[in-house]
N, C-alpha and C. Protein backbone atom coordinates (compact mmCIF):
# COMPACT_ATOMS: atom_id res chain seq x y z
N MET A 1 116.56 98.27 105.06
CA MET A 1 115.51 97.59 104.86
C MET A 1 114.44 97.91 104.50
N LEU A 2 114.01 99.30 104.93
CA LEU A 2 113.01 99.93 104.45
C LEU A 2 112.68 100.16 102.47
N THR A 3 114.73 100.13 102.09
CA THR A 3 114.72 100.77 101.29
C THR A 3 113.82 99.66 99.80
N ASP A 4 114.05 98.37 100.26
CA ASP A 4 113.67 97.57 99.88
C ASP A 4 112.26 97.10 99.64
N PHE A 5 111.87 97.13 100.72
CA PHE A 5 110.44 97.04 101.36
C PHE A 5 109.61 98.34 100.42
N ILE A 6 110.00 99.71 100.08
CA ILE A 6 109.68 100.59 99.11
C ILE A 6 109.59 99.79 97.65
N ALA A 7 110.89 99.47 97.63
CA ALA A 7 111.38 98.84 96.50
C ALA A 7 110.35 97.88 96.17
N PHE A 8 109.66 97.07 97.16
CA PHE A 8 109.07 95.61 96.47
C PHE A 8 107.74 96.28 96.01
N ILE A 9 107.26 97.27 96.91
CA ILE A 9 105.88 97.52 96.80
C ILE A 9 105.99 98.23 95.09
N ALA A 10 106.94 99.28 94.90
CA ALA A 10 106.43 99.79 93.35
C ALA A 10 106.75 98.77 92.74
N LYS A 11 107.46 98.16 92.94
CA LYS A 11 108.19 96.95 91.50
C LYS A 11 106.77 96.16 91.39
N HIS A 12 105.83 96.09 92.31
CA HIS A 12 104.81 95.43 91.66
C HIS A 12 103.47 96.21 91.50
N LEU A 13 103.87 97.41 91.39
CA LEU A 13 102.89 98.57 91.27
C LEU A 13 102.96 99.24 89.33
N VAL A 14 104.34 98.99 88.96
CA VAL A 14 104.55 99.70 87.61
C VAL A 14 104.69 98.56 86.51
N GLU A 15 104.78 99.02 85.38
CA GLU A 15 104.87 97.96 84.29
C GLU A 15 106.67 97.86 83.67
N HIS A 16 107.55 98.33 84.31
CA HIS A 16 108.98 98.67 84.16
C HIS A 16 109.28 98.25 85.57
N PRO A 17 109.49 97.23 85.99
CA PRO A 17 109.87 97.28 87.68
C PRO A 17 111.29 96.72 87.25
N GLU A 18 111.96 96.96 86.30
CA GLU A 18 113.44 96.87 86.58
C GLU A 18 114.04 98.12 86.29
N GLU A 19 113.10 99.29 86.49
CA GLU A 19 113.49 100.56 86.42
C GLU A 19 113.57 101.04 87.57
N VAL A 20 112.81 100.39 88.61
CA VAL A 20 112.64 101.15 90.15
C VAL A 20 113.97 101.57 90.82
N GLN A 21 114.00 102.47 91.34
CA GLN A 21 115.08 103.14 91.97
C GLN A 21 114.75 103.29 93.75
N VAL A 22 115.17 103.22 94.75
CA VAL A 22 115.36 103.70 95.69
C VAL A 22 116.73 104.08 96.28
N THR A 23 116.35 105.37 97.14
CA THR A 23 117.68 105.76 97.44
C THR A 23 117.26 106.83 98.76
N CYS A 24 118.67 106.66 99.90
CA CYS A 24 117.93 107.17 101.13
C CYS A 24 118.69 108.23 101.47
N SER A 25 118.50 109.48 101.91
CA SER A 25 119.21 110.16 102.91
C SER A 25 118.97 109.86 104.37
N ASN A 26 120.11 110.18 105.33
CA ASN A 26 119.64 110.29 106.65
C ASN A 26 119.80 110.97 107.23
N ASP A 27 119.00 111.17 108.36
CA ASP A 27 119.53 112.51 109.43
C ASP A 27 118.82 111.84 110.57
N GLU A 28 119.37 112.89 112.07
CA GLU A 28 119.03 112.33 113.35
C GLU A 28 118.32 111.69 113.52
N LYS A 29 116.86 112.29 113.05
CA LYS A 29 115.17 112.12 112.90
C LYS A 29 114.68 111.62 112.13
N ALA A 30 115.32 111.62 110.72
CA ALA A 30 113.91 111.09 110.35
C ALA A 30 115.48 110.84 108.73
N ASP A 31 114.60 109.83 108.00
CA ASP A 31 114.99 109.00 106.61
C ASP A 31 114.29 109.93 105.48
N THR A 32 114.77 110.54 104.36
CA THR A 32 113.98 110.28 103.44
C THR A 32 114.49 109.68 102.02
N TYR A 33 113.69 109.04 101.75
CA TYR A 33 113.25 108.04 100.30
C TYR A 33 112.70 108.27 99.26
N THR A 34 113.76 108.42 98.12
CA THR A 34 113.50 108.86 97.04
C THR A 34 113.13 108.07 96.03
N LEU A 35 112.14 107.37 95.68
CA LEU A 35 111.52 106.84 94.41
C LEU A 35 111.66 107.39 93.04
N THR A 36 112.16 106.52 92.85
CA THR A 36 112.58 106.85 91.06
C THR A 36 112.04 106.32 89.94
N VAL A 37 111.28 106.30 89.64
CA VAL A 37 110.32 105.73 88.61
C VAL A 37 110.15 106.18 87.20
N PRO A 38 109.96 105.60 86.06
CA PRO A 38 110.00 105.75 84.76
C PRO A 38 108.31 106.65 84.36
N LYS A 39 108.44 107.80 83.63
CA LYS A 39 107.68 108.93 83.91
C LYS A 39 106.03 108.32 83.80
N GLU A 40 105.77 107.22 82.85
CA GLU A 40 104.60 106.33 82.12
C GLU A 40 104.11 105.62 83.31
N ASP A 41 105.12 105.41 84.47
CA ASP A 41 104.47 104.70 85.50
C ASP A 41 103.94 105.65 86.79
N LEU A 42 104.28 107.20 86.32
CA LEU A 42 104.05 107.93 87.71
C LEU A 42 102.81 108.07 88.67
N GLY A 43 101.98 107.73 87.35
CA GLY A 43 100.22 107.53 87.35
C GLY A 43 100.03 106.00 88.58
N ARG A 44 100.69 105.38 88.16
CA ARG A 44 100.34 103.65 89.07
C ARG A 44 100.93 104.45 90.82
N ILE A 45 102.12 104.73 90.56
CA ILE A 45 102.55 105.27 91.97
C ILE A 45 101.97 105.77 92.83
N ILE A 46 101.24 107.27 92.11
CA ILE A 46 100.86 108.24 92.95
C ILE A 46 99.15 107.45 93.25
N GLY A 47 98.62 107.16 91.96
CA GLY A 47 97.06 106.61 92.49
C GLY A 47 96.36 107.54 92.06
N LYS A 48 95.11 107.54 92.29
CA LYS A 48 94.00 108.67 92.13
C LYS A 48 93.74 108.89 93.46
N LYS A 49 94.30 110.22 93.19
CA LYS A 49 93.36 111.08 94.46
C LYS A 49 95.19 111.26 95.35
N GLY A 50 96.29 110.46 94.90
CA GLY A 50 97.29 109.94 95.56
C GLY A 50 97.25 108.89 96.82
N HIS A 51 96.00 107.93 96.60
CA HIS A 51 95.92 107.21 97.46
C HIS A 51 97.30 106.25 97.87
N THR A 52 97.40 105.39 96.54
CA THR A 52 98.58 104.96 96.74
C THR A 52 99.53 105.05 97.35
N ILE A 53 100.07 106.47 96.61
CA ILE A 53 101.90 106.95 97.75
C ILE A 53 101.23 107.46 99.26
N LYS A 54 100.12 107.79 99.51
CA LYS A 54 99.90 107.91 101.13
C LYS A 54 99.57 106.55 101.70
N ALA A 55 99.27 105.45 100.80
CA ALA A 55 99.42 104.22 101.95
C ALA A 55 100.82 103.90 101.70
N MET A 56 101.52 103.76 100.98
CA MET A 56 102.99 103.68 101.14
C MET A 56 104.02 104.31 101.67
N ARG A 57 103.46 105.50 102.13
CA ARG A 57 104.01 106.50 103.61
C ARG A 57 103.44 105.92 104.79
N ALA A 58 102.40 105.58 104.61
CA ALA A 58 101.70 105.42 105.99
C ALA A 58 102.34 104.06 106.83
N LEU A 59 102.59 103.07 105.28
CA LEU A 59 103.38 101.66 106.32
C LEU A 59 104.30 102.16 106.30
N ALA A 60 105.46 102.79 105.74
CA ALA A 60 106.99 103.08 106.03
C ALA A 60 107.27 104.13 106.71
N ASN A 61 106.19 104.95 107.59
CA ASN A 61 105.95 105.72 108.57
C ASN A 61 105.94 104.82 109.79
N ALA A 62 104.99 103.53 109.51
CA ALA A 62 104.53 102.99 110.85
C ALA A 62 106.03 101.92 111.18
N VAL A 63 106.54 101.67 110.26
CA VAL A 63 107.83 100.90 110.12
C VAL A 63 108.97 101.51 110.57
N SER A 64 108.89 103.13 110.39
CA SER A 64 110.35 104.16 111.14
C SER A 64 109.85 104.07 112.81
N ALA A 65 108.74 104.50 112.82
CA ALA A 65 108.14 104.48 114.01
C ALA A 65 108.90 103.30 115.01
N ARG A 66 108.96 101.84 114.83
CA ARG A 66 109.19 101.16 115.64
C ARG A 66 110.80 101.44 115.85
N HIS A 67 111.01 102.47 114.72
CA HIS A 67 112.69 102.58 115.41
C HIS A 67 113.07 103.80 116.07
N GLY A 68 112.13 104.13 116.02
CA GLY A 68 111.92 106.18 116.77
C GLY A 68 112.47 106.94 115.94
N LYS A 69 111.78 106.81 114.27
CA LYS A 69 112.25 107.64 113.81
C LYS A 69 111.23 108.03 112.82
N ARG A 70 111.55 109.09 112.11
CA ARG A 70 110.80 109.52 110.83
C ARG A 70 110.71 109.33 109.47
N CYS A 71 109.80 108.98 108.74
CA CYS A 71 111.02 109.04 107.26
C CYS A 71 109.29 109.89 106.57
N SER A 72 110.27 110.13 105.26
CA SER A 72 109.18 110.47 103.84
C SER A 72 109.58 110.00 102.53
N ILE A 73 108.56 109.92 101.90
CA ILE A 73 109.15 109.41 100.35
C ILE A 73 108.78 110.60 99.30
N THR A 74 109.60 110.68 98.59
CA THR A 74 109.34 111.45 97.54
C THR A 74 109.38 110.61 96.43
N VAL A 75 108.62 110.99 95.60
CA VAL A 75 108.11 110.27 93.94
C VAL A 75 109.21 110.89 92.64
N LYS A 76 110.21 110.16 91.85
CA LYS A 76 110.59 111.25 91.01
C LYS A 76 110.18 110.59 89.82
N GLY A 77 109.95 111.09 88.48
CA GLY A 77 110.03 110.38 87.56
C GLY A 77 111.10 110.22 86.80
N LEU A 78 111.43 109.16 86.36
CA LEU A 78 112.92 108.87 85.51
C LEU A 78 112.44 109.36 83.96
N SER A 79 113.43 110.51 83.97
CA SER A 79 113.11 110.91 82.38
C SER A 79 113.70 109.75 81.26
N GLU A 80 113.40 109.79 80.06
CA GLU A 80 113.97 108.65 79.04
C GLU A 80 115.06 109.08 78.73
N PRO A 81 116.33 108.58 78.11
CA PRO A 81 117.45 109.30 77.84
C PRO A 81 117.95 109.72 76.24
N ASP A 82 118.10 110.96 76.17
CA ASP A 82 118.49 111.50 75.26
C ASP A 82 119.42 110.57 74.20
N GLU A 83 118.42 110.09 72.36
CA GLU A 83 118.88 109.65 71.76
C GLU A 83 119.72 110.93 70.34
């Protein structure tokens, strides 16, 4: 559920929404979400001074806290395939 939520927000921020990927790795107490976007869209996800990603992390933590868990979001840039 939170994977879809993070993907929904990210897809509305980037130029290439079809390339947004979110994966989750679970732990007993915390979930780690990896958000992968094209390199040219990294700035749109991070935002000025990191405000956009901080807001996404705050929303994700609020949703996770309702289920008694913690979460973190890491952002990766998707490199273009070699030709």
